[in-house]
Amino acid sequence: MPYVGALTFDAADPVRLAGFWAAVLNREARRGRVLPGVMVVPRALGDAPMLFLPVPEPKTAKNRCHPDLHTDDLAGELGRVLALGAEEVERHDGPAGRWVVLRDVEGNEFCLVEDED
């Protein structure tokens, strides 16, 4: 049965981007020994690492896939990730729930989703 070995991101500055995600997820970032990138190490067995690899070309379009980060403190986490360098794109509040679409320090989209009680 296949499993997710890593979530891999192209990056203009892998060290900076991995540092952002390590801070957001409270994880450790480590430089690769074989690949020229940086890995954000999972906290628990079963969590996929995040791998950030250098590429020469800039990001040019909206992500077709993005991480959803869940929290029971949307306002508090939103303030924290914005202070780390995220950019708010839009807010959603309706029958489907509450979430905020953000961009990381290289423009990659992700969502911060409020867990329902």
PDB file of N, CA and C in Angstrom:
ATOM      1  N   MET A   1       0.854  -1.173   0.000  1.00  0.00           N
ATOM      2  CA  MET A   1       0.000   0.000   0.000  1.00  0.00           C
ATOM      3  C   MET A   1       0.899   1.235   0.000  1.00  0.00           C
ATOM      4  N   PRO A   2       0.688   2.205  -0.892  1.00  0.00           N
ATOM      5  CA  PRO A   2       1.516   3.404  -0.913  1.00  0.00           C
ATOM      6  C   PRO A   2       1.270   4.285   0.309  1.00  0.00           C
ATOM      7  N   TYR A   3       2.229   5.137   0.579  1.00  0.00           N
ATOM      8  CA  TYR A   3       2.102   6.111   1.656  1.00  0.00           C
ATOM      9  C   TYR A   3       2.776   7.400   1.205  1.00  0.00           C
ATOM     10  N   VAL A   4       2.470   8.490   1.879  1.00  0.00           N
ATOM     11  CA  VAL A   4       3.076   9.782   1.547  1.00  0.00           C
ATOM     12  C   VAL A   4       4.454   9.829   2.181  1.00  0.00           C
ATOM     13  N   GLY A   5       5.494   9.859   1.357  1.00  0.00           N
ATOM     14  CA  GLY A   5       6.867   9.917   1.854  1.00  0.00           C
ATOM     15  C   GLY A   5       7.266  11.320   2.259  1.00  0.00           C
ATOM     16  N   ALA A   6       6.733  12.311   1.553  1.00  0.00           N
ATOM     17  CA  ALA A   6       6.997  13.718   1.877  1.00  0.00           C
ATOM     18  C   ALA A   6       6.064  14.586   1.047  1.00  0.00           C
ATOM     19  N   LEU A   7       5.744  15.748   1.572  1.00  0.00           N
ATOM     20  CA  LEU A   7       5.079  16.789   0.797  1.00  0.00           C
ATOM     21  C   LEU A   7       6.198  17.688   0.302  1.00  0.00           C
ATOM     22  N   THR A   8       6.373  17.766  -1.015  1.00  0.00           N
ATOM     23  CA  THR A   8       7.519  18.461  -1.589  1.00  0.00           C
ATOM     24  C   THR A   8       7.086  19.787  -2.207  1.00  0.00           C
ATOM     25  N   PHE A   9       7.832  20.842  -1.889  1.00  0.00           N
ATOM     26  CA  PHE A   9       7.559  22.189  -2.380  1.00  0.00           C
ATOM     27  C   PHE A   9       8.756  22.693  -3.168  1.00  0.00           C
ATOM     28  N   ASP A  10       8.504  23.301  -4.321  1.00  0.00           N
ATOM     29  CA  ASP A  10       9.542  24.052  -5.023  1.00  0.00           C
ATOM     30  C   ASP A  10       9.716  25.369  -4.276  1.00  0.00           C
ATOM     31  N   ALA A  11      10.949  25.854  -4.195  1.00  0.00           N
ATOM     32  CA  ALA A  11      11.201  27.079  -3.433  1.00  0.00           C
ATOM     33  C   ALA A  11      12.318  27.905  -4.050  1.00  0.00           C
ATOM     34  N   ALA A  12      12.134  29.200  -4.051  1.00  0.00           N
ATOM     35  CA  ALA A  12      13.209  30.103  -4.447  1.00  0.00           C
ATOM     36  C   ALA A  12      14.279  30.126  -3.359  1.00  0.00           C
ATOM     37  N   ASP A  13      13.848  30.096  -2.102  1.00  0.00           N
ATOM     38  CA  ASP A  13      14.746  30.105  -0.943  1.00  0.00           C
ATOM     39  C   ASP A  13      14.286  29.016   0.028  1.00  0.00           C
ATOM     40  N   PRO A  14      14.771  27.775  -0.163  1.00  0.00           N
ATOM     41  CA  PRO A  14      14.311  26.666   0.672  1.00  0.00           C
ATOM     42  C   PRO A  14      14.540  26.866   2.167  1.00  0.00           C
ATOM     43  N   VAL A  15      15.618  27.502   2.536  1.00  0.00           N
ATOM     44  CA  VAL A  15      15.907  27.720   3.957  1.00  0.00           C
ATOM     45  C   VAL A  15      14.846  28.630   4.571  1.00  0.00           C
ATOM     46  N   ARG A  16      14.539  29.722   3.910  1.00  0.00           N
ATOM     47  CA  ARG A  16      13.535  30.664   4.414  1.00  0.00           C
ATOM     48  C   ARG A  16      12.151  30.022   4.458  1.00  0.00           C
ATOM     49  N   LEU A  17      11.762  29.332   3.373  1.00  0.00           N
ATOM     50  CA  LEU A  17      10.437  28.734   3.307  1.00  0.00           C
ATOM     51  C   LEU A  17      10.286  27.610   4.329  1.00  0.00           C
ATOM     52  N   ALA A  18      11.290  26.770   4.462  1.00  0.00           N
ATOM     53  CA  ALA A  18      11.248  25.695   5.465  1.00  0.00           C
ATOM     54  C   ALA A  18      11.206  26.282   6.874  1.00  0.00           C
ATOM     55  N   GLY A  19      11.938  27.357   7.101  1.00  0.00           N
ATOM     56  CA  GLY A  19      11.916  28.017   8.415  1.00  0.00           C
ATOM     57  C   GLY A  19      10.533  28.533   8.764  1.00  0.00           C
ATOM     58  N   PHE A  20       9.835  29.107   7.768  1.00  0.00           N
ATOM     59  CA  PHE A  20       8.477  29.584   7.977  1.00  0.00           C
ATOM     60  C   PHE A  20       7.574  28.426   8.389  1.00  0.00           C
ATOM     61  N   TRP A  21       7.594  27.343   7.606  1.00  0.00           N
ATOM     62  CA  TRP A  21       6.711  26.206   7.887  1.00  0.00           C
ATOM     63  C   TRP A  21       7.084  25.503   9.191  1.00  0.00           C
ATOM     64  N   ALA A  22       8.360  25.420   9.506  1.00  0.00           N
ATOM     65  CA  ALA A  22       8.775  24.818  10.784  1.00  0.00           C
ATOM     66  C   ALA A  22       8.206  25.632  11.947  1.00  0.00           C
ATOM     67  N   ALA A  23       8.247  26.956  11.839  1.00  0.00           N
ATOM     68  CA  ALA A  23       7.699  27.810  12.899  1.00  0.00           C
ATOM     69  C   ALA A  23       6.182  27.678  12.982  1.00  0.00           C
ATOM     70  N   VAL A  24       5.498  27.657  11.835  1.00  0.00           N
ATOM     71  CA  VAL A  24       4.041  27.527  11.828  1.00  0.00           C
ATOM     72  C   VAL A  24       3.615  26.221  12.487  1.00  0.00           C
ATOM     73  N   LEU A  25       4.318  25.126  12.172  1.00  0.00           N
ATOM     74  CA  LEU A  25       3.929  23.799  12.654  1.00  0.00           C
ATOM     75  C   LEU A  25       4.658  23.360  13.918  1.00  0.00           C
ATOM     76  N   ASN A  26       5.507  24.230  14.458  1.00  0.00           N
ATOM     77  CA  ASN A  26       6.289  23.902  15.652  1.00  0.00           C
ATOM     78  C   ASN A  26       7.099  22.614  15.440  1.00  0.00           C
ATOM     79  N   ARG A  27       7.833  22.608  14.327  1.00  0.00           N
ATOM     80  CA  ARG A  27       8.676  21.467  13.963  1.00  0.00           C
ATOM     81  C   ARG A  27      10.105  21.942  13.751  1.00  0.00           C
ATOM     82  N   GLU A  28      10.977  21.005  13.512  1.00  0.00           N
ATOM     83  CA  GLU A  28      12.388  21.301  13.265  1.00  0.00           C
ATOM     84  C   GLU A  28      12.675  21.254  11.768  1.00  0.00           C
ATOM     85  N   ALA A  29      13.472  22.194  11.279  1.00  0.00           N
ATOM     86  CA  ALA A  29      13.923  22.188   9.881  1.00  0.00           C
ATOM     87  C   ALA A  29      15.369  21.708   9.846  1.00  0.00           C
ATOM     88  N   ARG A  30      15.669  20.783   8.917  1.00  0.00           N
ATOM     89  CA  ARG A  30      17.025  20.246   8.769  1.00  0.00           C
ATOM     90  C   ARG A  30      17.448  20.296   7.313  1.00  0.00           C
ATOM     91  N   ARG A  31      18.675  20.723   7.083  1.00  0.00           N
ATOM     92  CA  ARG A  31      19.225  20.712   5.718  1.00  0.00           C
ATOM     93  C   ARG A  31      19.444  19.278   5.282  1.00  0.00           C
ATOM     94  N   GLY A  32      19.199  19.034   3.983  1.00  0.00           N
ATOM     95  CA  GLY A  32      19.357  17.694   3.432  1.00  0.00           C
ATOM     96  C   GLY A  32      20.810  17.274   3.317  1.00  0.00           C
ATOM     97  N   ARG A  33      21.032  15.985   3.439  1.00  0.00           N
ATOM     98  CA  ARG A  33      22.387  15.440   3.273  1.00  0.00           C
ATOM     99  C   ARG A  33      22.618  15.004   1.844  1.00  0.00           C
ATOM    100  N   VAL A  34      21.576  14.545   1.171  1.00  0.00           N
ATOM    101  CA  VAL A  34      21.700  14.057  -0.201  1.00  0.00           C
ATOM    102  C   VAL A  34      21.112  15.078  -1.174  1.00  0.00           C
ATOM    103  N   LEU A  35      19.888  15.508  -0.921  1.00  0.00           N
ATOM    104  CA  LEU A  35      19.238  16.502  -1.775  1.00  0.00           C
ATOM    105  C   LEU A  35      19.632  17.906  -1.324  1.00  0.00           C
ATOM    106  N   PRO A  36      19.615  18.877  -2.243  1.00  0.00           N
ATOM    107  CA  PRO A  36      20.024  20.243  -1.881  1.00  0.00           C
ATOM    108  C   PRO A  36      18.911  21.054  -1.238  1.00  0.00           C
ATOM    109  N   GLY A  37      18.065  20.431  -0.479  1.00  0.00           N
ATOM    110  CA  GLY A  37      16.937  21.136   0.108  1.00  0.00           C
ATOM    111  C   GLY A  37      16.940  21.114   1.616  1.00  0.00           C
ATOM    112  N   VAL A  38      15.787  21.463   2.169  1.00  0.00           N
ATOM    113  CA  VAL A  38      15.595  21.503   3.615  1.00  0.00           C
ATOM    114  C   VAL A  38      14.326  20.722   3.929  1.00  0.00           C
ATOM    115  N   MET A  39      14.375  19.889   4.964  1.00  0.00           N
ATOM    116  CA  MET A  39      13.221  19.105   5.364  1.00  0.00           C
ATOM    117  C   MET A  39      12.677  19.615   6.691  1.00  0.00           C
ATOM    118  N   VAL A  40      11.360  19.733   6.758  1.00  0.00           N
ATOM    119  CA  VAL A  40      10.685  20.018   8.019  1.00  0.00           C
ATOM    120  C   VAL A  40      10.247  18.663   8.553  1.00  0.00           C
ATOM    121  N   VAL A  41      10.828  18.298   9.687  1.00  0.00           N
ATOM    122  CA  VAL A  41      10.697  16.967  10.252  1.00  0.00           C
ATOM    123  C   VAL A  41       9.346  16.796  10.936  1.00  0.00           C
ATOM    124  N   PRO A  42       8.695  15.642  10.727  1.00  0.00           N
ATOM    125  CA  PRO A  42       7.411  15.407  11.398  1.00  0.00           C
ATOM    126  C   PRO A  42       7.570  15.266  12.900  1.00  0.00           C
ATOM    127  N   ARG A  43       6.494  15.593  13.621  1.00  0.00           N
ATOM    128  CA  ARG A  43       6.499  15.463  15.087  1.00  0.00           C
ATOM    129  C   ARG A  43       6.199  14.049  15.527  1.00  0.00           C
ATOM    130  N   ALA A  44       5.387  13.324  14.745  1.00  0.00           N
ATOM    131  CA  ALA A  44       4.952  11.992  15.170  1.00  0.00           C
ATOM    132  C   ALA A  44       5.053  11.019  14.014  1.00  0.00           C
ATOM    133  N   LEU A  45       5.222   9.763  14.346  1.00  0.00           N
ATOM    134  CA  LEU A  45       5.232   8.712  13.354  1.00  0.00           C
ATOM    135  C   LEU A  45       3.912   8.748  12.599  1.00  0.00           C
ATOM    136  N   GLY A  46       3.980   8.690  11.291  1.00  0.00           N
ATOM    137  CA  GLY A  46       2.769   8.754  10.478  1.00  0.00           C
ATOM    138  C   GLY A  46       2.540  10.120   9.856  1.00  0.00           C
ATOM    139  N   ASP A  47       3.137  11.181  10.427  1.00  0.00           N
ATOM    140  CA  ASP A  47       3.068  12.506   9.814  1.00  0.00           C
ATOM    141  C   ASP A  47       4.076  12.558   8.675  1.00  0.00           C
ATOM    142  N   ALA A  48       3.700  13.167   7.572  1.00  0.00           N
ATOM    143  CA  ALA A  48       4.619  13.290   6.441  1.00  0.00           C
ATOM    144  C   ALA A  48       5.559  14.475   6.649  1.00  0.00           C
ATOM    145  N   PRO A  49       6.840  14.292   6.342  1.00  0.00           N
ATOM    146  CA  PRO A  49       7.745  15.438   6.368  1.00  0.00           C
ATOM    147  C   PRO A  49       7.427  16.380   5.208  1.00  0.00           C
ATOM    148  N   MET A  50       7.889  17.598   5.302  1.00  0.00           N
ATOM    149  CA  MET A  50       7.769  18.574   4.223  1.00  0.00           C
ATOM    150  C   MET A  50       9.177  18.820   3.695  1.00  0.00           C
ATOM    151  N   LEU A  51       9.337  18.723   2.388  1.00  0.00           N
ATOM    152  CA  LEU A  51      10.643  18.878   1.756  1.00  0.00           C
ATOM    153  C   LEU A  51      10.611  20.107   0.853  1.00  0.00           C
ATOM    154  N   PHE A  52      11.588  20.989   1.001  1.00  0.00           N
ATOM    155  CA  PHE A  52      11.660  22.228   0.235  1.00  0.00           C
ATOM    156  C   PHE A  52      12.919  22.190  -0.626  1.00  0.00           C
ATOM    157  N   LEU A  53      12.717  22.175  -1.955  1.00  0.00           N
ATOM    158  CA  LEU A  53      13.822  22.044  -2.902  1.00  0.00           C
ATOM    159  C   LEU A  53      13.994  23.331  -3.696  1.00  0.00           C
ATOM    160  N   PRO A  54      15.254  23.705  -3.968  1.00  0.00           N
ATOM    161  CA  PRO A  54      15.494  24.925  -4.739  1.00  0.00           C
ATOM    162  C   PRO A  54      15.137  24.742  -6.213  1.00  0.00           C
ATOM    163  N   VAL A  55      14.473  25.743  -6.777  1.00  0.00           N
ATOM    164  CA  VAL A  55      14.187  25.789  -8.213  1.00  0.00           C
ATOM    165  C   VAL A  55      14.478  27.201  -8.706  1.00  0.00           C
ATOM    166  N   PRO A  56      14.903  27.347  -9.954  1.00  0.00           N
ATOM    167  CA  PRO A  56      15.248  28.679 -10.458  1.00  0.00           C
ATOM    168  C   PRO A  56      14.049  29.531 -10.863  1.00  0.00           C
ATOM    169  N   GLU A  57      12.934  28.888 -11.241  1.00  0.00           N
ATOM    170  CA  GLU A  57      11.795  29.658 -11.737  1.00  0.00           C
ATOM    171  C   GLU A  57      10.883  30.093 -10.596  1.00  0.00           C
ATOM    172  N   PRO A  58      10.219  31.257 -10.742  1.00  0.00           N
ATOM    173  CA  PRO A  58       9.301  31.745  -9.696  1.00  0.00           C
ATOM    174  C   PRO A  58       7.955  31.032  -9.768  1.00  0.00           C
ATOM    175  N   LYS A  59       7.186  31.123  -8.696  1.00  0.00           N
ATOM    176  CA  LYS A  59       5.814  30.624  -8.679  1.00  0.00           C
ATOM    177  C   LYS A  59       5.001  31.502  -9.624  1.00  0.00           C
ATOM    178  N   THR A  60       4.166  30.876 -10.464  1.00  0.00           N
ATOM    179  CA  THR A  60       3.442  31.660 -11.467  1.00  0.00           C
ATOM    180  C   THR A  60       1.928  31.525 -11.412  1.00  0.00           C
ATOM    181  N   ALA A  61       1.398  30.547 -10.675  1.00  0.00           N
ATOM    182  CA  ALA A  61      -0.048  30.335 -10.680  1.00  0.00           C
ATOM    183  C   ALA A  61      -0.534  29.865  -9.309  1.00  0.00           C
ATOM    184  N   LYS A  62      -1.844  29.827  -9.158  1.00  0.00           N
ATOM    185  CA  LYS A  62      -2.469  29.340  -7.935  1.00  0.00           C
ATOM    186  C   LYS A  62      -2.129  27.861  -7.747  1.00  0.00           C
ATOM    187  N   ASN A  63      -1.908  27.473  -6.491  1.00  0.00           N
ATOM    188  CA  ASN A  63      -1.651  26.062  -6.181  1.00  0.00           C
ATOM    189  C   ASN A  63      -2.856  25.213  -6.576  1.00  0.00           C
ATOM    190  N   ARG A  64      -2.596  24.028  -7.096  1.00  0.00           N
ATOM    191  CA  ARG A  64      -3.664  23.071  -7.369  1.00  0.00           C
ATOM    192  C   ARG A  64      -3.925  22.197  -6.140  1.00  0.00           C
ATOM    193  N   CYS A  65      -3.023  22.235  -5.196  1.00  0.00           N
ATOM    194  CA  CYS A  65      -3.132  21.475  -3.960  1.00  0.00           C
ATOM    195  C   CYS A  65      -2.575  22.364  -2.852  1.00  0.00           C
ATOM    196  N   HIS A  66      -3.186  22.331  -1.670  1.00  0.00           N
ATOM    197  CA  HIS A  66      -2.675  23.174  -0.586  1.00  0.00           C
ATOM    198  C   HIS A  66      -2.955  22.516   0.759  1.00  0.00           C
ATOM    199  N   PRO A  67      -2.152  22.833   1.773  1.00  0.00           N
ATOM    200  CA  PRO A  67      -2.405  22.300   3.113  1.00  0.00           C
ATOM    201  C   PRO A  67      -3.550  23.041   3.802  1.00  0.00           C
ATOM    202  N   ASP A  68      -4.363  22.298   4.538  1.00  0.00           N
ATOM    203  CA  ASP A  68      -5.357  22.860   5.445  1.00  0.00           C
ATOM    204  C   ASP A  68      -4.860  22.608   6.858  1.00  0.00           C
ATOM    205  N   LEU A  69      -4.665  23.673   7.624  1.00  0.00           N
ATOM    206  CA  LEU A  69      -4.231  23.568   9.007  1.00  0.00           C
ATOM    207  C   LEU A  69      -5.434  23.809   9.899  1.00  0.00           C
ATOM    208  N   HIS A  70      -5.751  22.869  10.769  1.00  0.00           N
ATOM    209  CA  HIS A  70      -6.921  22.974  11.641  1.00  0.00           C
ATOM    210  C   HIS A  70      -6.525  23.473  13.024  1.00  0.00           C
ATOM    211  N   THR A  71      -7.403  24.286  13.616  1.00  0.00           N
ATOM    212  CA  THR A  71      -7.146  24.853  14.935  1.00  0.00           C
ATOM    213  C   THR A  71      -8.466  25.090  15.671  1.00  0.00           C
ATOM    214  N   ASP A  72      -8.407  25.070  16.993  1.00  0.00           N
ATOM    215  CA  ASP A  72      -9.590  25.442  17.771  1.00  0.00           C
ATOM    216  C   ASP A  72      -9.518  26.902  18.208  1.00  0.00           C
ATOM    217  N   ASP A  73      -8.463  27.617  17.773  1.00  0.00           N
ATOM    218  CA  ASP A  73      -8.293  29.039  18.092  1.00  0.00           C
ATOM    219  C   ASP A  73      -7.936  29.788  16.809  1.00  0.00           C
ATOM    220  N   LEU A  74      -8.926  29.996  15.953  1.00  0.00           N
ATOM    221  CA  LEU A  74      -8.679  30.607  14.650  1.00  0.00           C
ATOM    222  C   LEU A  74      -8.064  31.997  14.774  1.00  0.00           C
ATOM    223  N   ALA A  75      -8.606  32.836  15.629  1.00  0.00           N
ATOM    224  CA  ALA A  75      -8.092  34.208  15.767  1.00  0.00           C
ATOM    225  C   ALA A  75      -6.656  34.208  16.281  1.00  0.00           C
ATOM    226  N   GLY A  76      -6.381  33.399  17.286  1.00  0.00           N
ATOM    227  CA  GLY A  76      -5.030  33.346  17.846  1.00  0.00           C
ATOM    228  C   GLY A  76      -4.008  32.815  16.858  1.00  0.00           C
ATOM    229  N   GLU A  77      -4.344  31.723  16.166  1.00  0.00           N
ATOM    230  CA  GLU A  77      -3.419  31.149  15.182  1.00  0.00           C
ATOM    231  C   GLU A  77      -3.252  32.064  13.979  1.00  0.00           C
ATOM    232  N   LEU A  78      -4.323  32.730  13.572  1.00  0.00           N
ATOM    233  CA  LEU A  78      -4.217  33.666  12.464  1.00  0.00           C
ATOM    234  C   LEU A  78      -3.226  34.776  12.797  1.00  0.00           C
ATOM    235  N   GLY A  79      -3.339  35.342  13.981  1.00  0.00           N
ATOM    236  CA  GLY A  79      -2.389  36.375  14.395  1.00  0.00           C
ATOM    237  C   GLY A  79      -0.964  35.854  14.418  1.00  0.00           C
ATOM    238  N   ARG A  80      -0.779  34.628  14.892  1.00  0.00           N
ATOM    239  CA  ARG A  80       0.558  34.034  14.984  1.00  0.00           C
ATOM    240  C   ARG A  80       1.170  33.809  13.601  1.00  0.00           C
ATOM    241  N   VAL A  81       0.405  33.222  12.660  1.00  0.00           N
ATOM    242  CA  VAL A  81       0.985  32.949  11.339  1.00  0.00           C
ATOM    243  C   VAL A  81       1.188  34.226  10.531  1.00  0.00           C
ATOM    244  N   LEU A  82       0.338  35.225  10.751  1.00  0.00           N
ATOM    245  CA  LEU A  82       0.566  36.514  10.098  1.00  0.00           C
ATOM    246  C   LEU A  82       1.849  37.154  10.615  1.00  0.00           C
ATOM    247  N   ALA A  83       2.106  37.045  11.907  1.00  0.00           N
ATOM    248  CA  ALA A  83       3.333  37.592  12.490  1.00  0.00           C
ATOM    249  C   ALA A  83       4.577  36.862  11.970  1.00  0.00           C
ATOM    250  N   LEU A  84       4.414  35.604  11.565  1.00  0.00           N
ATOM    251  CA  LEU A  84       5.535  34.833  11.008  1.00  0.00           C
ATOM    252  C   LEU A  84       5.799  35.167   9.544  1.00  0.00           C
ATOM    253  N   GLY A  85       4.902  35.947   8.930  1.00  0.00           N
ATOM    254  CA  GLY A  85       5.131  36.370   7.548  1.00  0.00           C
ATOM    255  C   GLY A  85       4.069  35.947   6.551  1.00  0.00           C
ATOM    256  N   ALA A  86       3.024  35.252   6.989  1.00  0.00           N
ATOM    257  CA  ALA A  86       1.943  34.874   6.078  1.00  0.00           C
ATOM    258  C   ALA A  86       1.169  36.119   5.652  1.00  0.00           C
ATOM    259  N   GLU A  87       0.491  35.995   4.523  1.00  0.00           N
ATOM    260  CA  GLU A  87      -0.346  37.078   4.004  1.00  0.00           C
ATOM    261  C   GLU A  87      -1.780  36.567   3.916  1.00  0.00           C
ATOM    262  N   GLU A  88      -2.720  37.329   4.457  1.00  0.00           N
ATOM    263  CA  GLU A  88      -4.130  36.938   4.379  1.00  0.00           C
ATOM    264  C   GLU A  88      -4.668  37.232   2.990  1.00  0.00           C
ATOM    265  N   VAL A  89      -5.415  36.262   2.427  1.00  0.00           N
ATOM    266  CA  VAL A  89      -6.012  36.411   1.107  1.00  0.00           C
ATOM    267  C   VAL A  89      -7.514  36.664   1.219  1.00  0.00           C
ATOM    268  N   GLU A  90      -8.219  35.789   1.944  1.00  0.00           N
ATOM    269  CA  GLU A  90      -9.656  35.970   2.100  1.00  0.00           C
ATOM    270  C   GLU A  90     -10.170  35.157   3.283  1.00  0.00           C
ATOM    271  N   ARG A  91     -11.327  35.593   3.802  1.00  0.00           N
ATOM    272  CA  ARG A  91     -11.977  34.902   4.931  1.00  0.00           C
ATOM    273  C   ARG A  91     -13.289  34.298   4.454  1.00  0.00           C
ATOM    274  N   HIS A  92     -13.616  33.159   5.045  1.00  0.00           N
ATOM    275  CA  HIS A  92     -14.874  32.485   4.742  1.00  0.00           C
ATOM    276  C   HIS A  92     -15.567  32.167   6.055  1.00  0.00           C
ATOM    277  N   ASP A  93     -16.837  32.500   6.137  1.00  0.00           N
ATOM    278  CA  ASP A  93     -17.628  32.238   7.344  1.00  0.00           C
ATOM    279  C   ASP A  93     -19.045  31.927   6.889  1.00  0.00           C
ATOM    280  N   GLY A  94     -19.429  30.666   6.973  1.00  0.00           N
ATOM    281  CA  GLY A  94     -20.757  30.288   6.513  1.00  0.00           C
ATOM    282  C   GLY A  94     -21.144  28.919   7.023  1.00  0.00           C
ATOM    283  N   PRO A  95     -22.165  28.330   6.419  1.00  0.00           N
ATOM    284  CA  PRO A  95     -22.658  27.030   6.873  1.00  0.00           C
ATOM    285  C   PRO A  95     -21.596  25.927   6.822  1.00  0.00           C
ATOM    286  N   ALA A  96     -20.653  26.037   5.912  1.00  0.00           N
ATOM    287  CA  ALA A  96     -19.592  25.025   5.790  1.00  0.00           C
ATOM    288  C   ALA A  96     -18.499  25.203   6.830  1.00  0.00           C
ATOM    289  N   GLY A  97     -18.520  26.303   7.580  1.00  0.00           N
ATOM    290  CA  GLY A  97     -17.520  26.544   8.607  1.00  0.00           C
ATOM    291  C   GLY A  97     -16.806  27.863   8.422  1.00  0.00           C
ATOM    292  N   ARG A  98     -15.731  28.035   9.205  1.00  0.00           N
ATOM    293  CA  ARG A  98     -14.913  29.256   9.137  1.00  0.00           C
ATOM    294  C   ARG A  98     -13.490  28.871   8.775  1.00  0.00           C
ATOM    295  N   TRP A  99     -12.909  29.583   7.812  1.00  0.00           N
ATOM    296  CA  TRP A  99     -11.514  29.394   7.467  1.00  0.00           C
ATOM    297  C   TRP A  99     -10.977  30.641   6.798  1.00  0.00           C
ATOM    298  N   VAL A 100      -9.647  30.739   6.820  1.00  0.00           N
ATOM    299  CA  VAL A 100      -8.955  31.867   6.211  1.00  0.00           C
ATOM    300  C   VAL A 100      -7.958  31.315   5.209  1.00  0.00           C
ATOM    301  N   VAL A 101      -7.987  31.861   3.999  1.00  0.00           N
ATOM    302  CA  VAL A 101      -7.017  31.504   2.971  1.00  0.00           C
ATOM    303  C   VAL A 101      -5.828  32.445   3.146  1.00  0.00           C
ATOM    304  N   LEU A 102      -4.628  31.861   3.171  1.00  0.00           N
ATOM    305  CA  LEU A 102      -3.394  32.632   3.370  1.00  0.00           C
ATOM    306  C   LEU A 102      -2.370  32.254   2.314  1.00  0.00           C
ATOM    307  N   ARG A 103      -1.298  33.039   2.239  1.00  0.00           N
ATOM    308  CA  ARG A 103      -0.123  32.707   1.423  1.00  0.00           C
ATOM    309  C   ARG A 103       1.086  32.690   2.345  1.00  0.00           C
ATOM    310  N   ASP A 104       1.980  31.726   2.105  1.00  0.00           N
ATOM    311  CA  ASP A 104       3.213  31.681   2.883  1.00  0.00           C
ATOM    312  C   ASP A 104       4.201  32.712   2.339  1.00  0.00           C
ATOM    313  N   VAL A 105       5.425  32.698   2.806  1.00  0.00           N
ATOM    314  CA  VAL A 105       6.412  33.725   2.450  1.00  0.00           C
ATOM    315  C   VAL A 105       6.867  33.665   0.993  1.00  0.00           C
ATOM    316  N   GLU A 106       6.498  32.604   0.253  1.00  0.00           N
ATOM    317  CA  GLU A 106       6.793  32.533  -1.180  1.00  0.00           C
ATOM    318  C   GLU A 106       5.529  32.515  -2.031  1.00  0.00           C
ATOM    319  N   GLY A 107       4.377  32.800  -1.401  1.00  0.00           N
ATOM    320  CA  GLY A 107       3.131  32.913  -2.153  1.00  0.00           C
ATOM    321  C   GLY A 107       2.328  31.636  -2.293  1.00  0.00           C
ATOM    322  N   ASN A 108       2.729  30.557  -1.634  1.00  0.00           N
ATOM    323  CA  ASN A 108       1.971  29.305  -1.692  1.00  0.00           C
ATOM    324  C   ASN A 108       0.730  29.407  -0.808  1.00  0.00           C
ATOM    325  N   GLU A 109      -0.420  29.028  -1.355  1.00  0.00           N
ATOM    326  CA  GLU A 109      -1.666  29.121  -0.613  1.00  0.00           C
ATOM    327  C   GLU A 109      -1.786  28.004   0.418  1.00  0.00           C
ATOM    328  N   PHE A 110      -2.429  28.326   1.528  1.00  0.00           N
ATOM    329  CA  PHE A 110      -2.831  27.345   2.537  1.00  0.00           C
ATOM    330  C   PHE A 110      -4.018  27.906   3.289  1.00  0.00           C
ATOM    331  N   CYS A 111      -4.754  27.033   3.965  1.00  0.00           N
ATOM    332  CA  CYS A 111      -5.927  27.473   4.714  1.00  0.00           C
ATOM    333  C   CYS A 111      -5.746  27.193   6.189  1.00  0.00           C
ATOM    334  N   LEU A 112      -6.253  28.097   6.981  1.00  0.00           N
ATOM    335  CA  LEU A 112      -6.333  27.935   8.424  1.00  0.00           C
ATOM    336  C   LEU A 112      -7.814  27.744   8.726  1.00  0.00           C
ATOM    337  N   VAL A 113      -8.161  26.567   9.229  1.00  0.00           N
ATOM    338  CA  VAL A 113      -9.555  26.152   9.388  1.00  0.00           C
ATOM    339  C   VAL A 113      -9.901  26.027  10.867  1.00  0.00           C
ATOM    340  N   GLU A 114     -11.035  26.620  11.241  1.00  0.00           N
ATOM    341  CA  GLU A 114     -11.478  26.511  12.641  1.00  0.00           C
ATOM    342  C   GLU A 114     -12.192  25.176  12.832  1.00  0.00           C
ATOM    343  N   ASP A 115     -11.726  24.404  13.818  1.00  0.00           N
ATOM    344  CA  ASP A 115     -12.408  23.160  14.177  1.00  0.00           C
ATOM    345  C   ASP A 115     -13.726  23.493  14.830  1.00  0.00           C
ATOM    346  N   GLU A 116     -14.739  22.727  14.507  1.00  0.00           N
ATOM    347  CA  GLU A 116     -16.044  22.915  15.126  1.00  0.00           C
ATOM    348  C   GLU A 116     -16.047  22.247  16.490  1.00  0.00           C
ATOM    349  N   ASP A 117     -16.821  22.799  17.406  1.00  0.00           N
ATOM    350  CA  ASP A 117     -16.928  22.228  18.756  1.00  0.00           C
ATOM    351  C   ASP A 117     -17.630  20.894  18.757  1.00  0.00           C
TER     352      ASP A 117
END
